[in-house]
Amino acid sequence: MKRIARSTLQTSVNLVFFAVIGTAILSSTYYLTRDTIAATVAQAKLKLVSQLLPPTSYDNDIMQDRHTVAADEMLGTEEATQAHIARRDGKPVAVVLEAIAPDGYSGKIALIMAIHPDGSLGGVRVVSHNETPGLGDYIDIAKQDWIKTFDGRSRSLFSDEMWKVRKDGGMFDYMAGATITPRAVIMAVNRALQYFEAHRDELFVADAQPAKGAAK
């Protein structure tokens, strides 16, 4: 019995030892690679931003000129995101916001968009999605130019009734048999513009404090 007890104790000690070692290795790997991962993410975001705003339209470091935006229902976000500000000669040119369309055909659709001070869109791009290849994936700029139909649109020029696909009486084209995907994107962009209207001043202010969530 004593031999069994000692064997069991030794096994337990070994398990704890390897668990500690494994945790230490994972922690070390994280700390060694986190800067590289962050740099890769930043470069990917900058590449998307360059599709929304011509690099010559601003003269600040847009990736560093940023502040935290709290998770908000209007943005569809469940975690804090970063708002990036484009400025020229110190004056705001646009704010780049992240948003989520929660109701895509195959799940969430992550978006990034540039909004000018007058509320007009510099553009919208899909960051990630799981929509059906050859059907709902036409929202991806790599597949088709449909997403460019948001360029220059604003809520001041078009009422809420127009922020729908043509099948529903709105102004946006869609691919036959794939209306759920564009509906989700259109609604998400419209909600993000409403968020912008409610938080315009705090989004553009220099050295801004984290933007508060919209009143629920």
Foldseek 3Di string as FASTA:
>chain_A
DVVVVVVVVVVVVVVVVVVVVVVVVVVVVCVVCVVVVVVVVLVVVVVVVCVLDPPVQADDPQSPQWAWAAAAVLQQGPGIDIKTFGHHPLHTAWIKDKGWLQFAPQGIWIKIWIAGLVLATSFMATPDDDDDPPFLPCSHVVNHCQRRVSHGDGCVVPPPQQLAEVVSVHDGDHDPPHRRNSRSVSSSVNSVSVVCVVCVVQSRDGPHHHHYYDDD
